Amino acid sequence: MNEHLMNIWIIVVVIVVINLLIFLTKSDNKFWKIPILIWGLIFSTIFIITPIQNRKVNSLDNQYWESVEDKSCGDREVWEELKNSRKQSVKVRMTLLYFLGIQTIMTFILQIIGYKKTEKKKLYERTSIIFGLLTLLFLVFQVMVEIVPTGLFF
């Protein structure tokens, strides 16, 4: 198993374990506070990491085009680094989206459990609908990623 795949499985296990800690707490809010906070953290991370990755790629892109200026072709080392940086950027974004999808599905399941086990029916009904739609959106996204071999729009 390659290192990237191993890291993905480690993070998935950590996310699952953290979500299972919900069953150790006693509050009626336990089914929405922890999973939605984790979901928000992963969602925020996408918007923090993506610009950092984009800056690196843009910097290498500018560096490459500066090396082309007076020649017929640019610096090969910079080109290779740029190509690798783009691949890494896509890999990081797709991994984060995958984690967000897993957390979305887990949050949806926990909202349904919260609806059935607690007295806060209205809260869990609303969050179940929201995360049910987000789960459906994630599953459609996954199907599209599998169909389009170029990696969709990333």
N, C-alpha and C. Protein backbone atom coordinates (compact mmCIF):
# COMPACT_ATOMS: atom_id res chain seq x y z
N MET A 1 0.86 -1.17 0.00
CA MET A 1 0.00 0.00 0.00
C MET A 1 0.90 1.24 0.00
N ASN A 2 0.62 2.21 -0.90
CA ASN A 2 1.48 3.38 -0.93
C ASN A 2 1.21 4.31 0.25
N GLU A 3 2.13 5.23 0.45
CA GLU A 3 2.08 6.10 1.64
C GLU A 3 0.85 6.99 1.65
N HIS A 4 0.46 7.52 0.49
CA HIS A 4 -0.71 8.40 0.41
C HIS A 4 -1.98 7.67 0.82
N LEU A 5 -2.16 6.47 0.32
CA LEU A 5 -3.34 5.67 0.65
C LEU A 5 -3.35 5.32 2.14
N MET A 6 -2.19 5.03 2.68
CA MET A 6 -2.08 4.72 4.11
C MET A 6 -2.49 5.93 4.95
N ASN A 7 -2.05 7.13 4.56
CA ASN A 7 -2.42 8.35 5.28
C ASN A 7 -3.92 8.58 5.22
N ILE A 8 -4.53 8.32 4.08
CA ILE A 8 -5.99 8.47 3.95
C ILE A 8 -6.70 7.56 4.93
N TRP A 9 -6.29 6.30 5.01
CA TRP A 9 -6.95 5.36 5.91
C TRP A 9 -6.76 5.73 7.37
N ILE A 10 -5.59 6.24 7.71
CA ILE A 10 -5.35 6.68 9.09
C ILE A 10 -6.29 7.81 9.45
N ILE A 11 -6.44 8.79 8.56
CA ILE A 11 -7.32 9.92 8.85
C ILE A 11 -8.78 9.47 8.91
N VAL A 12 -9.19 8.56 8.04
CA VAL A 12 -10.56 8.04 8.08
C VAL A 12 -10.83 7.36 9.42
N VAL A 13 -9.91 6.56 9.88
CA VAL A 13 -10.06 5.88 11.17
C VAL A 13 -10.17 6.90 12.30
N VAL A 14 -9.33 7.93 12.27
CA VAL A 14 -9.38 8.97 13.31
C VAL A 14 -10.73 9.67 13.30
N ILE A 15 -11.23 10.02 12.11
CA ILE A 15 -12.54 10.68 12.01
C ILE A 15 -13.64 9.78 12.56
N VAL A 16 -13.61 8.51 12.23
CA VAL A 16 -14.63 7.56 12.72
C VAL A 16 -14.55 7.44 14.24
N VAL A 17 -13.35 7.31 14.79
CA VAL A 17 -13.18 7.17 16.24
C VAL A 17 -13.69 8.42 16.95
N ILE A 18 -13.36 9.59 16.44
CA ILE A 18 -13.83 10.83 17.07
C ILE A 18 -15.36 10.88 17.05
N ASN A 19 -15.95 10.49 15.93
CA ASN A 19 -17.41 10.48 15.85
C ASN A 19 -18.03 9.45 16.79
N LEU A 20 -17.36 8.33 16.99
CA LEU A 20 -17.89 7.31 17.90
C LEU A 20 -17.81 7.74 19.37
N LEU A 21 -16.96 8.71 19.66
CA LEU A 21 -16.89 9.25 21.03
C LEU A 21 -18.20 9.91 21.44
N ILE A 22 -19.03 10.21 20.47
CA ILE A 22 -20.34 10.79 20.73
C ILE A 22 -21.13 9.92 21.70
N PHE A 23 -20.99 8.63 21.56
CA PHE A 23 -21.79 7.72 22.37
C PHE A 23 -21.33 7.67 23.83
N LEU A 24 -20.20 8.32 24.14
CA LEU A 24 -19.74 8.40 25.53
C LEU A 24 -20.30 9.62 26.25
N THR A 25 -20.82 10.60 25.51
CA THR A 25 -21.37 11.80 26.14
C THR A 25 -22.85 11.58 26.44
N LYS A 26 -23.37 12.36 27.39
CA LYS A 26 -24.73 12.14 27.88
C LYS A 26 -25.77 13.15 27.35
N SER A 27 -25.36 14.22 26.72
CA SER A 27 -26.25 15.30 26.31
C SER A 27 -27.13 14.91 25.12
N ASP A 28 -28.31 15.54 25.02
CA ASP A 28 -29.18 15.36 23.85
C ASP A 28 -28.58 16.02 22.61
N ASN A 29 -27.65 16.95 22.82
CA ASN A 29 -27.02 17.67 21.71
C ASN A 29 -25.84 16.91 21.11
N LYS A 30 -25.49 15.79 21.69
CA LYS A 30 -24.28 15.09 21.28
C LYS A 30 -24.30 14.63 19.83
N PHE A 31 -25.48 14.38 19.28
CA PHE A 31 -25.55 13.87 17.92
C PHE A 31 -25.37 14.95 16.86
N TRP A 32 -25.45 16.22 17.26
CA TRP A 32 -25.22 17.25 16.26
C TRP A 32 -24.00 18.10 16.54
N LYS A 33 -23.65 18.33 17.80
CA LYS A 33 -22.52 19.22 18.09
C LYS A 33 -21.20 18.68 17.54
N ILE A 34 -20.82 17.49 17.94
CA ILE A 34 -19.51 16.95 17.55
C ILE A 34 -19.41 16.70 16.05
N PRO A 35 -20.35 15.98 15.43
CA PRO A 35 -20.19 15.72 13.99
C PRO A 35 -20.25 16.98 13.13
N ILE A 36 -21.10 17.94 13.51
CA ILE A 36 -21.19 19.16 12.71
C ILE A 36 -19.95 20.03 12.91
N LEU A 37 -19.38 20.03 14.12
CA LEU A 37 -18.12 20.75 14.33
C LEU A 37 -16.99 20.13 13.51
N ILE A 38 -16.92 18.82 13.48
CA ILE A 38 -15.89 18.14 12.66
C ILE A 38 -16.13 18.46 11.18
N TRP A 39 -17.37 18.43 10.74
CA TRP A 39 -17.71 18.74 9.35
C TRP A 39 -17.27 20.17 9.02
N GLY A 40 -17.58 21.10 9.91
CA GLY A 40 -17.18 22.49 9.70
C GLY A 40 -15.67 22.67 9.65
N LEU A 41 -14.97 21.92 10.48
CA LEU A 41 -13.50 21.99 10.48
C LEU A 41 -12.93 21.50 9.15
N ILE A 42 -13.43 20.38 8.66
CA ILE A 42 -12.94 19.85 7.38
C ILE A 42 -13.32 20.80 6.24
N PHE A 43 -14.54 21.33 6.27
CA PHE A 43 -14.99 22.27 5.25
C PHE A 43 -14.11 23.52 5.24
N SER A 44 -13.80 24.05 6.41
CA SER A 44 -12.93 25.23 6.52
C SER A 44 -11.52 24.93 6.02
N THR A 45 -11.03 23.74 6.31
CA THR A 45 -9.69 23.35 5.89
C THR A 45 -9.56 23.41 4.37
N ILE A 46 -10.61 23.04 3.66
CA ILE A 46 -10.58 23.11 2.20
C ILE A 46 -10.30 24.54 1.75
N PHE A 47 -10.95 25.51 2.39
CA PHE A 47 -10.79 26.90 2.00
C PHE A 47 -9.50 27.53 2.51
N ILE A 48 -8.83 26.87 3.43
CA ILE A 48 -7.53 27.34 3.90
C ILE A 48 -6.41 26.74 3.05
N ILE A 49 -6.49 25.46 2.77
CA ILE A 49 -5.41 24.76 2.05
C ILE A 49 -5.41 25.09 0.55
N THR A 50 -6.58 25.20 -0.07
CA THR A 50 -6.65 25.44 -1.51
C THR A 50 -5.90 26.70 -1.94
N PRO A 51 -6.10 27.85 -1.30
CA PRO A 51 -5.33 29.04 -1.72
C PRO A 51 -3.82 28.87 -1.53
N ILE A 52 -3.42 28.16 -0.50
CA ILE A 52 -1.99 27.92 -0.28
C ILE A 52 -1.44 27.09 -1.44
N GLN A 53 -2.14 26.04 -1.81
CA GLN A 53 -1.73 25.20 -2.93
C GLN A 53 -1.71 26.01 -4.23
N ASN A 54 -2.73 26.84 -4.44
CA ASN A 54 -2.81 27.65 -5.66
C ASN A 54 -1.67 28.65 -5.76
N ARG A 55 -1.29 29.26 -4.63
CA ARG A 55 -0.17 30.21 -4.64
C ARG A 55 1.12 29.53 -5.06
N LYS A 56 1.34 28.32 -4.56
CA LYS A 56 2.55 27.59 -4.92
C LYS A 56 2.57 27.28 -6.41
N VAL A 57 1.45 26.80 -6.94
CA VAL A 57 1.36 26.47 -8.37
C VAL A 57 1.54 27.74 -9.21
N ASN A 58 0.89 28.83 -8.82
CA ASN A 58 1.01 30.09 -9.57
C ASN A 58 2.44 30.61 -9.56
N SER A 59 3.10 30.49 -8.42
CA SER A 59 4.49 30.93 -8.32
C SER A 59 5.39 30.13 -9.27
N LEU A 60 5.22 28.83 -9.28
CA LEU A 60 6.00 27.98 -10.19
C LEU A 60 5.65 28.26 -11.65
N ASP A 61 4.38 28.53 -11.91
CA ASP A 61 3.95 28.86 -13.27
C ASP A 61 4.63 30.14 -13.75
N ASN A 62 4.63 31.16 -12.90
CA ASN A 62 5.31 32.42 -13.25
C ASN A 62 6.80 32.20 -13.45
N GLN A 63 7.39 31.41 -12.59
CA GLN A 63 8.82 31.10 -12.69
C GLN A 63 9.13 30.40 -14.01
N TYR A 64 8.27 29.50 -14.40
CA TYR A 64 8.48 28.79 -15.67
C TYR A 64 8.40 29.75 -16.85
N TRP A 65 7.36 30.59 -16.88
CA TRP A 65 7.19 31.49 -18.01
C TRP A 65 8.28 32.56 -18.06
N GLU A 66 8.84 32.92 -16.93
CA GLU A 66 10.00 33.82 -16.93
C GLU A 66 11.21 33.13 -17.55
N SER A 67 11.34 31.84 -17.35
CA SER A 67 12.47 31.10 -17.92
C SER A 67 12.33 30.91 -19.43
N VAL A 68 11.11 31.07 -19.96
CA VAL A 68 10.85 30.91 -21.39
C VAL A 68 11.20 32.18 -22.17
N GLU A 69 11.19 33.31 -21.49
CA GLU A 69 11.22 34.63 -22.11
C GLU A 69 12.10 34.76 -23.36
N ASP A 70 13.36 34.46 -23.30
CA ASP A 70 14.26 34.67 -24.44
C ASP A 70 14.66 33.37 -25.13
N LYS A 71 14.01 32.28 -24.79
CA LYS A 71 14.37 30.98 -25.36
C LYS A 71 13.18 30.37 -26.08
N SER A 72 13.43 29.31 -26.78
CA SER A 72 12.33 28.62 -27.46
C SER A 72 11.57 27.71 -26.49
N CYS A 73 12.20 27.33 -25.39
CA CYS A 73 11.52 26.52 -24.38
C CYS A 73 12.01 26.93 -22.99
N GLY A 74 11.21 26.57 -21.98
CA GLY A 74 11.54 26.97 -20.62
C GLY A 74 12.42 25.97 -19.90
N ASP A 75 12.71 26.29 -18.67
CA ASP A 75 13.54 25.45 -17.81
C ASP A 75 12.81 24.14 -17.52
N ARG A 76 13.43 23.04 -17.89
CA ARG A 76 12.80 21.72 -17.74
C ARG A 76 12.58 21.36 -16.27
N GLU A 77 13.51 21.70 -15.40
CA GLU A 77 13.36 21.38 -13.98
C GLU A 77 12.16 22.11 -13.38
N VAL A 78 12.00 23.38 -13.75
CA VAL A 78 10.86 24.15 -13.24
C VAL A 78 9.56 23.56 -13.79
N TRP A 79 9.58 23.16 -15.06
CA TRP A 79 8.39 22.54 -15.67
C TRP A 79 8.00 21.26 -14.93
N GLU A 80 8.96 20.43 -14.63
CA GLU A 80 8.68 19.18 -13.91
C GLU A 80 8.15 19.47 -12.51
N GLU A 81 8.75 20.44 -11.84
CA GLU A 81 8.29 20.81 -10.51
C GLU A 81 6.86 21.36 -10.56
N LEU A 82 6.58 22.17 -11.58
CA LEU A 82 5.23 22.71 -11.77
C LEU A 82 4.22 21.59 -12.00
N LYS A 83 4.58 20.65 -12.85
CA LYS A 83 3.70 19.52 -13.15
C LYS A 83 3.41 18.70 -11.88
N ASN A 84 4.46 18.43 -11.12
CA ASN A 84 4.29 17.68 -9.86
C ASN A 84 3.48 18.46 -8.85
N SER A 85 3.69 19.76 -8.79
CA SER A 85 2.95 20.60 -7.86
C SER A 85 1.46 20.61 -8.20
N ARG A 86 1.15 20.67 -9.48
CA ARG A 86 -0.26 20.63 -9.90
C ARG A 86 -0.91 19.29 -9.52
N LYS A 87 -0.19 18.20 -9.75
CA LYS A 87 -0.71 16.88 -9.38
C LYS A 87 -0.94 16.78 -7.87
N GLN A 88 0.02 17.27 -7.10
CA GLN A 88 -0.09 17.24 -5.64
C GLN A 88 -1.27 18.08 -5.17
N SER A 89 -1.46 19.23 -5.79
CA SER A 89 -2.56 20.12 -5.43
C SER A 89 -3.91 19.44 -5.66
N VAL A 90 -4.06 18.78 -6.79
CA VAL A 90 -5.30 18.06 -7.09
C VAL A 90 -5.50 16.92 -6.09
N LYS A 91 -4.43 16.21 -5.78
CA LYS A 91 -4.51 15.09 -4.84
C LYS A 91 -4.97 15.56 -3.45
N VAL A 92 -4.41 16.69 -3.00
CA VAL A 92 -4.78 17.23 -1.69
C VAL A 92 -6.24 17.65 -1.68
N ARG A 93 -6.68 18.37 -2.71
CA ARG A 93 -8.07 18.82 -2.78
C ARG A 93 -9.04 17.64 -2.82
N MET A 94 -8.73 16.64 -3.62
CA MET A 94 -9.61 15.48 -3.73
C MET A 94 -9.66 14.71 -2.41
N THR A 95 -8.53 14.62 -1.72
CA THR A 95 -8.49 13.94 -0.43
C THR A 95 -9.37 14.68 0.58
N LEU A 96 -9.25 16.00 0.62
CA LEU A 96 -10.07 16.79 1.54
C LEU A 96 -11.56 16.66 1.20
N LEU A 97 -11.89 16.68 -0.08
CA LEU A 97 -13.29 16.50 -0.47
C LEU A 97 -13.80 15.11 -0.11
N TYR A 98 -12.94 14.12 -0.22
CA TYR A 98 -13.30 12.76 0.16
C TYR A 98 -13.58 12.70 1.67
N PHE A 99 -12.72 13.32 2.47
CA PHE A 99 -12.94 13.35 3.92
C PHE A 99 -14.22 14.09 4.26
N LEU A 100 -14.47 15.20 3.57
CA LEU A 100 -15.69 15.95 3.81
C LEU A 100 -16.91 15.09 3.48
N GLY A 101 -16.83 14.32 2.42
CA GLY A 101 -17.93 13.42 2.06
C GLY A 101 -18.16 12.35 3.10
N ILE A 102 -17.09 11.75 3.58
CA ILE A 102 -17.22 10.73 4.63
C ILE A 102 -17.86 11.33 5.87
N GLN A 103 -17.39 12.51 6.27
CA GLN A 103 -17.95 13.16 7.45
C GLN A 103 -19.41 13.55 7.21
N THR A 104 -19.75 13.95 6.00
CA THR A 104 -21.13 14.30 5.67
C THR A 104 -22.05 13.09 5.85
N ILE A 105 -21.61 11.95 5.35
CA ILE A 105 -22.41 10.72 5.49
C ILE A 105 -22.55 10.35 6.96
N MET A 106 -21.45 10.42 7.71
CA MET A 106 -21.51 10.08 9.14
C MET A 106 -22.41 11.05 9.89
N THR A 107 -22.33 12.33 9.56
CA THR A 107 -23.17 13.33 10.22
C THR A 107 -24.64 13.06 9.90
N PHE A 108 -24.94 12.72 8.67
CA PHE A 108 -26.31 12.40 8.28
C PHE A 108 -26.84 11.22 9.10
N ILE A 109 -26.05 10.18 9.22
CA ILE A 109 -26.46 9.00 9.99
C ILE A 109 -26.69 9.38 11.46
N LEU A 110 -25.78 10.18 12.02
CA LEU A 110 -25.91 10.58 13.42
C LEU A 110 -27.11 11.50 13.64
N GLN A 111 -27.48 12.29 12.64
CA GLN A 111 -28.67 13.13 12.78
C GLN A 111 -29.93 12.28 12.81
N ILE A 112 -29.95 11.22 12.02
CA ILE A 112 -31.09 10.30 12.04
C ILE A 112 -31.17 9.60 13.40
N ILE A 113 -30.03 9.16 13.93
CA ILE A 113 -30.00 8.53 15.25
C ILE A 113 -30.49 9.53 16.30
N GLY A 114 -30.01 10.78 16.22
CA GLY A 114 -30.45 11.81 17.16
C GLY A 114 -31.94 12.06 17.08
N TYR A 115 -32.50 12.03 15.90
CA TYR A 115 -33.94 12.22 15.72
C TYR A 115 -34.72 11.11 16.41
N LYS A 116 -34.24 9.89 16.29
CA LYS A 116 -34.95 8.75 16.86
C LYS A 116 -34.76 8.62 18.38
N LYS A 117 -33.61 9.07 18.91
CA LYS A 117 -33.29 8.81 20.31
C LYS A 117 -33.51 9.99 21.25
N THR A 118 -33.72 11.19 20.73
CA THR A 118 -33.84 12.35 21.62
C THR A 118 -35.20 13.02 21.47
N GLU A 119 -35.41 14.02 22.31
CA GLU A 119 -36.65 14.78 22.30
C GLU A 119 -36.58 15.99 21.37
N LYS A 120 -35.42 16.29 20.83
CA LYS A 120 -35.23 17.47 19.97
C LYS A 120 -35.54 17.11 18.52
N LYS A 121 -36.78 16.75 18.27
CA LYS A 121 -37.19 16.26 16.95
C LYS A 121 -37.01 17.32 15.86
N LYS A 122 -37.39 18.56 16.14
CA LYS A 122 -37.34 19.61 15.12
C LYS A 122 -35.90 19.88 14.68
N LEU A 123 -34.98 19.99 15.63
CA LEU A 123 -33.57 20.24 15.33
C LEU A 123 -33.00 19.12 14.47
N TYR A 124 -33.20 17.90 14.90
CA TYR A 124 -32.64 16.76 14.17
C TYR A 124 -33.34 16.52 12.83
N GLU A 125 -34.61 16.90 12.76
CA GLU A 125 -35.31 16.79 11.47
C GLU A 125 -34.67 17.73 10.45
N ARG A 126 -34.41 18.96 10.85
CA ARG A 126 -33.80 19.94 9.95
C ARG A 126 -32.38 19.54 9.55
N THR A 127 -31.58 19.14 10.53
CA THR A 127 -30.20 18.77 10.21
C THR A 127 -30.14 17.48 9.40
N SER A 128 -31.09 16.58 9.62
CA SER A 128 -31.15 15.35 8.81
C SER A 128 -31.42 15.68 7.35
N ILE A 129 -32.32 16.61 7.11
CA ILE A 129 -32.64 17.00 5.74
C ILE A 129 -31.42 17.66 5.09
N ILE A 130 -30.79 18.58 5.81
CA ILE A 130 -29.62 19.29 5.26
C ILE A 130 -28.51 18.30 4.92
N PHE A 131 -28.17 17.44 5.87
CA PHE A 131 -27.06 16.51 5.63
C PHE A 131 -27.46 15.36 4.70
N GLY A 132 -28.75 15.07 4.60
CA GLY A 132 -29.21 14.11 3.60
C GLY A 132 -28.98 14.65 2.20
N LEU A 133 -29.31 15.93 2.00
CA LEU A 133 -29.08 16.56 0.69
C LEU A 133 -27.58 16.66 0.39
N LEU A 134 -26.78 17.02 1.40
CA LEU A 134 -25.33 17.09 1.21
C LEU A 134 -24.74 15.71 0.90
N THR A 135 -25.28 14.68 1.53
CA THR A 135 -24.82 13.31 1.24
C THR A 135 -25.15 12.94 -0.20
N LEU A 136 -26.35 13.26 -0.63
CA LEU A 136 -26.75 12.99 -2.01
C LEU A 136 -25.83 13.75 -2.98
N LEU A 137 -25.54 15.00 -2.68
CA LEU A 137 -24.64 15.80 -3.51
C LEU A 137 -23.25 15.18 -3.57
N PHE A 138 -22.76 14.71 -2.44
CA PHE A 138 -21.44 14.05 -2.41
C PHE A 138 -21.44 12.78 -3.26
N LEU A 139 -22.48 11.98 -3.14
CA LEU A 139 -22.55 10.74 -3.91
C LEU A 139 -22.61 11.01 -5.41
N VAL A 140 -23.36 12.05 -5.82
CA VAL A 140 -23.40 12.44 -7.23
C VAL A 140 -22.01 12.90 -7.67
N PHE A 141 -21.35 13.68 -6.82
CA PHE A 141 -19.99 14.14 -7.11
C PHE A 141 -19.04 12.95 -7.30
N GLN A 142 -19.14 11.96 -6.43
CA GLN A 142 -18.28 10.77 -6.53
C GLN A 142 -18.52 10.03 -7.84
N VAL A 143 -19.77 9.90 -8.24
CA VAL A 143 -20.08 9.24 -9.50
C VAL A 143 -19.47 10.03 -10.66
N MET A 144 -19.59 11.35 -10.62
CA MET A 144 -19.02 12.19 -11.68
C MET A 144 -17.51 12.06 -11.74
N VAL A 145 -16.86 12.01 -10.60
CA VAL A 145 -15.40 11.86 -10.57
C VAL A 145 -14.99 10.53 -11.18
N GLU A 146 -15.76 9.49 -10.92
CA GLU A 146 -15.46 8.17 -11.48
C GLU A 146 -15.69 8.13 -12.98
N ILE A 147 -16.67 8.88 -13.46
CA ILE A 147 -16.98 8.88 -14.89
C ILE A 147 -15.97 9.70 -15.68
N VAL A 148 -15.59 10.86 -15.16
CA VAL A 148 -14.68 11.77 -15.86
C VAL A 148 -13.25 11.45 -15.42
N PRO A 149 -12.45 10.80 -16.25
CA PRO A 149 -11.12 10.36 -15.84
C PRO A 149 -10.11 11.49 -15.65
N THR A 150 -10.41 12.69 -16.17
CA THR A 150 -9.46 13.80 -16.05
C THR A 150 -9.52 14.46 -14.69
N GLY A 151 -10.43 14.04 -13.84
CA GLY A 151 -10.51 14.61 -12.51
C GLY A 151 -11.50 15.74 -12.40
N LEU A 152 -12.48 15.76 -13.26
CA LEU A 152 -13.55 16.74 -13.25
C LEU A 152 -13.00 18.13 -13.49
N PHE A 153 -13.22 19.05 -12.58
CA PHE A 153 -12.82 20.44 -12.80
C PHE A 153 -11.65 20.87 -11.94
N PHE A 154 -10.94 19.93 -11.37
CA PHE A 154 -9.80 20.28 -10.52
C PHE A 154 -8.55 20.23 -11.34
